[in-house]
Structure formats: C-alpha cells, structure tokens
Amino acid sequence: MLEQALNKALANTFAFYLKIQGFHWNVEGPDFYQFHNFFQEIYTDVYGAIDPLAEHIRACGYYAPGTMSDMLRLTDITETNMNGQPAVMMTKNLLQANELVILSLYQAYQAAENAKELGLANFIQDRIDIHNKHSWFLKSQSK
C-alpha cells in the first residue's frame, strides 16, 4: 500500500511539474510577465520536491518510477495542450491538477503513518501544506 501511494504521489507531482513548466513556456497575453513568473514560482517549488520524494521511496526499500511510461501509467493528471488559451484558463487547469496532487499526497501520508514512517509522513505533510498554498494562489489568480 505504501509503495503504490508513494509512486502515485511522485507521478502526480512529476506530471504537475511538467504541466506547469509547459504553461510557463507558452503563456501569452497582456498579463504574460505576471503569469510567466507566477508559474515559475510554483514549478520551481514542485521541481524541488521531486528528487526528495523519490529518495524517500528508495529509503523505504522501493524503486521509484523513472520512465515517462511509468509516470503516465501512474498519474491521475491528464495531458492538456493549453497553447493559445488565456492564462486564466491555464490557471484553472493547474488548480484541478494541483488538487489531484494534494489527494495523492494525503493518501501517501496515510500510508506512511500506517507504516510508522514518521519522517516520511512529516515530509509529505509539509508538501501538502505547500500545495494547499499553491491552491490558494491558483484560485486567487483564476478569478
């Protein structure tokens, strides 16, 4: 149970990172600079969480998914080509994806607690808190 929950959380985190990175590259419009920087702030944070999460998976004795096919198979986040769409639509799309990351992190947290992996549970709890803040910012930007 722990292995599956951690792998899903990693795949969702990775897919969210890739999605927001793509939006950062391709955002357009009168608020380009604001959204370009806003997306960069979030993807920088999320990127910084990918390796530590994978290392926690390895520390538990499991293998972390390491291929695109693994990530696509495990993630709940769908690919979305938002090129040419208004930045606010990108933001709404990211909000939905971030909610899936949070859900998978909650499931990983519960599994870590059940396995008495308290350091891992604390790490995941911190990530949930950060993603909740991302949700707040994304909701505020999408209005």
C-alpha atoms as a PDB file:
ATOM      1  CA  MET A   1       0.000   0.000   0.000  1.00  0.00           C
ATOM      2  CA  LEU A   2       2.782   2.446   0.908  1.00  0.00           C
ATOM      3  CA  GLU A   3       4.730   1.759  -2.281  1.00  0.00           C
ATOM      4  CA  GLN A   4       1.714   2.355  -4.532  1.00  0.00           C
ATOM      5  CA  ALA A   5       0.690   5.518  -2.687  1.00  0.00           C
ATOM      6  CA  LEU A   6       4.206   6.961  -2.865  1.00  0.00           C
ATOM      7  CA  ASN A   7       4.600   6.100  -6.547  1.00  0.00           C
ATOM      8  CA  LYS A   8       1.271   7.767  -7.372  1.00  0.00           C
ATOM      9  CA  ALA A   9       2.222  10.861  -5.364  1.00  0.00           C
ATOM     10  CA  LEU A  10       5.540  11.037  -7.218  1.00  0.00           C
ATOM     11  CA  ALA A  11       3.897  10.559 -10.628  1.00  0.00           C
ATOM     12  CA  ASN A  12       1.283  13.219  -9.889  1.00  0.00           C
ATOM     13  CA  THR A  13       3.938  15.613  -8.634  1.00  0.00           C
ATOM     14  CA  PHE A  14       6.036  14.998 -11.743  1.00  0.00           C
ATOM     15  CA  ALA A  15       3.062  15.407 -14.100  1.00  0.00           C
ATOM     16  CA  PHE A  16       2.024  18.620 -12.335  1.00  0.00           C
ATOM     17  CA  TYR A  17       5.570  19.932 -12.646  1.00  0.00           C
ATOM     18  CA  LEU A  18       5.700  19.147 -16.355  1.00  0.00           C
ATOM     19  CA  LYS A  19       2.289  20.716 -16.967  1.00  0.00           C
ATOM     20  CA  ILE A  20       3.109  23.965 -15.204  1.00  0.00           C
ATOM     21  CA  GLN A  21       6.535  24.126 -16.847  1.00  0.00           C
ATOM     22  CA  GLY A  22       4.852  23.891 -20.256  1.00  0.00           C
ATOM     23  CA  PHE A  23       2.351  26.582 -19.337  1.00  0.00           C
ATOM     24  CA  HIS A  24       5.230  28.781 -18.165  1.00  0.00           C
ATOM     25  CA  TRP A  25       6.913  28.403 -21.551  1.00  0.00           C
ATOM     26  CA  ASN A  26       3.772  29.033 -23.587  1.00  0.00           C
ATOM     27  CA  VAL A  27       1.681  31.576 -21.685  1.00  0.00           C
ATOM     28  CA  GLU A  28       0.711  34.664 -23.709  1.00  0.00           C
ATOM     29  CA  GLY A  29      -1.333  37.793 -23.337  1.00  0.00           C
ATOM     30  CA  PRO A  30      -1.362  41.151 -21.633  1.00  0.00           C
ATOM     31  CA  ASP A  31      -0.511  39.571 -18.262  1.00  0.00           C
ATOM     32  CA  PHE A  32       2.279  37.427 -19.742  1.00  0.00           C
ATOM     33  CA  TYR A  33       5.008  38.616 -17.389  1.00  0.00           C
ATOM     34  CA  GLN A  34       2.890  38.172 -14.264  1.00  0.00           C
ATOM     35  CA  PHE A  35       1.739  34.656 -15.190  1.00  0.00           C
ATOM     36  CA  HIS A  36       5.140  33.619 -16.548  1.00  0.00           C
ATOM     37  CA  ASN A  37       6.723  34.482 -13.198  1.00  0.00           C
ATOM     38  CA  PHE A  38       3.809  33.073 -11.186  1.00  0.00           C
ATOM     39  CA  PHE A  39       4.072  29.712 -12.964  1.00  0.00           C
ATOM     40  CA  GLN A  40       7.844  29.745 -12.498  1.00  0.00           C
ATOM     41  CA  GLU A  41       7.499  30.202  -8.738  1.00  0.00           C
ATOM     42  CA  ILE A  42       5.280  27.142  -8.471  1.00  0.00           C
ATOM     43  CA  TYR A  43       7.183  24.880 -10.870  1.00  0.00           C
ATOM     44  CA  THR A  44      10.460  25.717  -9.114  1.00  0.00           C
ATOM     45  CA  ASP A  45       8.990  24.593  -5.801  1.00  0.00           C
ATOM     46  CA  VAL A  46       7.433  21.449  -7.254  1.00  0.00           C
ATOM     47  CA  TYR A  47      10.607  20.525  -9.126  1.00  0.00           C
ATOM     48  CA  GLY A  48      12.497  20.774  -5.832  1.00  0.00           C
ATOM     49  CA  ALA A  49      10.180  18.177  -4.282  1.00  0.00           C
ATOM     50  CA  ILE A  50      10.546  15.500  -6.966  1.00  0.00           C
ATOM     51  CA  ASP A  51      14.007  14.217  -6.020  1.00  0.00           C
ATOM     52  CA  PRO A  52      13.409  14.173  -2.240  1.00  0.00           C
ATOM     53  CA  LEU A  53      10.152  12.265  -2.755  1.00  0.00           C
ATOM     54  CA  ALA A  54      11.899   9.721  -4.991  1.00  0.00           C
ATOM     55  CA  GLU A  55      14.679   9.395  -2.410  1.00  0.00           C
ATOM     56  CA  HIS A  56      12.109   8.729   0.315  1.00  0.00           C
ATOM     57  CA  ILE A  57      10.681   5.970  -1.878  1.00  0.00           C
ATOM     58  CA  ARG A  58      14.161   4.440  -2.188  1.00  0.00           C
ATOM     59  CA  ALA A  59      14.795   4.817   1.556  1.00  0.00           C
ATOM     60  CA  CYS A  60      11.670   2.732   2.172  1.00  0.00           C
ATOM     61  CA  GLY A  61      13.212  -0.013   0.048  1.00  0.00           C
ATOM     62  CA  TYR A  62      11.104   0.502  -3.083  1.00  0.00           C
ATOM     63  CA  TYR A  63      12.076   1.511  -6.606  1.00  0.00           C
ATOM     64  CA  ALA A  64      10.882   4.930  -7.724  1.00  0.00           C
ATOM     65  CA  PRO A  65       9.192   5.134 -11.119  1.00  0.00           C
ATOM     66  CA  GLY A  66      11.770   6.516 -13.505  1.00  0.00           C
ATOM     67  CA  THR A  67      10.366   6.441 -17.004  1.00  0.00           C
ATOM     68  CA  MET A  68       7.795   8.555 -18.808  1.00  0.00           C
ATOM     69  CA  SER A  69       5.664   5.460 -19.376  1.00  0.00           C
ATOM     70  CA  ASP A  70       5.744   4.756 -15.617  1.00  0.00           C
ATOM     71  CA  MET A  71       4.718   8.328 -14.861  1.00  0.00           C
ATOM     72  CA  LEU A  72       1.909   8.278 -17.436  1.00  0.00           C
ATOM     73  CA  ARG A  73       0.639   4.943 -16.141  1.00  0.00           C
ATOM     74  CA  LEU A  74       0.611   6.092 -12.512  1.00  0.00           C
ATOM     75  CA  THR A  75      -0.569   9.693 -12.723  1.00  0.00           C
ATOM     76  CA  ASP A  76      -4.137  10.924 -12.390  1.00  0.00           C
ATOM     77  CA  ILE A  77      -3.267  14.162 -14.198  1.00  0.00           C
ATOM     78  CA  THR A  78      -4.187  14.324 -17.854  1.00  0.00           C
ATOM     79  CA  GLU A  79      -2.076  15.934 -20.518  1.00  0.00           C
ATOM     80  CA  THR A  80      -3.512  19.220 -21.722  1.00  0.00           C
ATOM     81  CA  ASN A  81      -2.350  21.376 -24.591  1.00  0.00           C
ATOM     82  CA  MET A  82      -3.351  24.863 -23.489  1.00  0.00           C
ATOM     83  CA  ASN A  83      -1.290  26.692 -26.101  1.00  0.00           C
ATOM     84  CA  GLY A  84      -3.138  29.801 -27.218  1.00  0.00           C
ATOM     85  CA  GLN A  85      -5.529  29.652 -24.266  1.00  0.00           C
ATOM     86  CA  PRO A  86      -5.894  32.609 -21.889  1.00  0.00           C
ATOM     87  CA  ALA A  87      -3.636  32.468 -18.855  1.00  0.00           C
ATOM     88  CA  VAL A  88      -6.640  32.315 -16.549  1.00  0.00           C
ATOM     89  CA  MET A  89      -7.707  29.054 -18.245  1.00  0.00           C
ATOM     90  CA  MET A  90      -4.228  27.658 -17.680  1.00  0.00           C
ATOM     91  CA  THR A  91      -4.533  28.630 -14.040  1.00  0.00           C
ATOM     92  CA  LYS A  92      -7.878  26.845 -13.689  1.00  0.00           C
ATOM     93  CA  ASN A  93      -6.397  23.756 -15.313  1.00  0.00           C
ATOM     94  CA  LEU A  94      -3.449  23.864 -12.923  1.00  0.00           C
ATOM     95  CA  LEU A  95      -5.788  24.229  -9.955  1.00  0.00           C
ATOM     96  CA  GLN A  96      -7.525  20.977 -10.910  1.00  0.00           C
ATOM     97  CA  ALA A  97      -4.178  19.224 -11.360  1.00  0.00           C
ATOM     98  CA  ASN A  98      -2.903  20.549  -8.030  1.00  0.00           C
ATOM     99  CA  GLU A  99      -5.981  19.157  -6.283  1.00  0.00           C
ATOM    100  CA  LEU A 100      -5.070  15.711  -7.657  1.00  0.00           C
ATOM    101  CA  VAL A 101      -1.537  16.131  -6.292  1.00  0.00           C
ATOM    102  CA  ILE A 102      -2.949  17.017  -2.881  1.00  0.00           C
ATOM    103  CA  LEU A 103      -5.273  13.997  -2.902  1.00  0.00           C
ATOM    104  CA  SER A 104      -2.406  11.641  -3.744  1.00  0.00           C
ATOM    105  CA  LEU A 105      -0.237  13.246  -1.067  1.00  0.00           C
ATOM    106  CA  TYR A 106      -2.994  12.699   1.518  1.00  0.00           C
ATOM    107  CA  GLN A 107      -3.160   9.042   0.525  1.00  0.00           C
ATOM    108  CA  ALA A 108       0.633   8.736   0.760  1.00  0.00           C
ATOM    109  CA  TYR A 109       0.560  10.472   4.137  1.00  0.00           C
ATOM    110  CA  GLN A 110      -1.979   7.985   5.494  1.00  0.00           C
ATOM    111  CA  ALA A 111       0.059   5.069   4.167  1.00  0.00           C
ATOM    112  CA  ALA A 112       3.255   6.481   5.701  1.00  0.00           C
ATOM    113  CA  GLU A 113       1.549   6.953   9.057  1.00  0.00           C
ATOM    114  CA  ASN A 114       0.190   3.397   8.944  1.00  0.00           C
ATOM    115  CA  ALA A 115       3.684   2.103   8.168  1.00  0.00           C
ATOM    116  CA  LYS A 116       5.128   4.150  11.068  1.00  0.00           C
ATOM    117  CA  GLU A 117       7.372   6.053   8.616  1.00  0.00           C
ATOM    118  CA  LEU A 118       7.146   9.266  10.632  1.00  0.00           C
ATOM    119  CA  GLY A 119       9.913  11.220   8.885  1.00  0.00           C
ATOM    120  CA  LEU A 120       8.305  10.445   5.545  1.00  0.00           C
ATOM    121  CA  ALA A 121       4.896  11.399   6.921  1.00  0.00           C
ATOM    122  CA  ASN A 122       6.318  14.737   8.095  1.00  0.00           C
ATOM    123  CA  PHE A 123       7.850  15.390   4.671  1.00  0.00           C
ATOM    124  CA  ILE A 124       4.536  14.624   2.960  1.00  0.00           C
ATOM    125  CA  GLN A 125       2.639  16.753   5.466  1.00  0.00           C
ATOM    126  CA  ASP A 126       4.880  19.701   4.585  1.00  0.00           C
ATOM    127  CA  ARG A 127       4.261  19.095   0.865  1.00  0.00           C
ATOM    128  CA  ILE A 128       0.502  19.051   1.457  1.00  0.00           C
ATOM    129  CA  ASP A 129       0.775  22.392   3.217  1.00  0.00           C
ATOM    130  CA  ILE A 130       2.769  23.870   0.331  1.00  0.00           C
ATOM    131  CA  HIS A 131       0.326  22.533  -2.281  1.00  0.00           C
ATOM    132  CA  ASN A 132      -2.575  23.968  -0.282  1.00  0.00           C
ATOM    133  CA  LYS A 133      -0.850  27.334  -0.585  1.00  0.00           C
ATOM    134  CA  HIS A 134      -0.450  26.756  -4.328  1.00  0.00           C
ATOM    135  CA  SER A 135      -4.216  26.104  -4.476  1.00  0.00           C
ATOM    136  CA  TRP A 136      -4.924  29.362  -2.700  1.00  0.00           C
ATOM    137  CA  PHE A 137      -2.736  31.280  -5.157  1.00  0.00           C
ATOM    138  CA  LEU A 138      -4.153  29.477  -8.198  1.00  0.00           C
ATOM    139  CA  LYS A 139      -7.733  30.110  -7.036  1.00  0.00           C
ATOM    140  CA  SER A 140      -6.953  33.772  -6.485  1.00  0.00           C
ATOM    141  CA  GLN A 141      -5.329  34.107  -9.929  1.00  0.00           C
ATOM    142  CA  SER A 142      -8.188  32.347 -11.719  1.00  0.00           C
ATOM    143  CA  LYS A 143     -10.887  34.837 -10.676  1.00  0.00           C
END
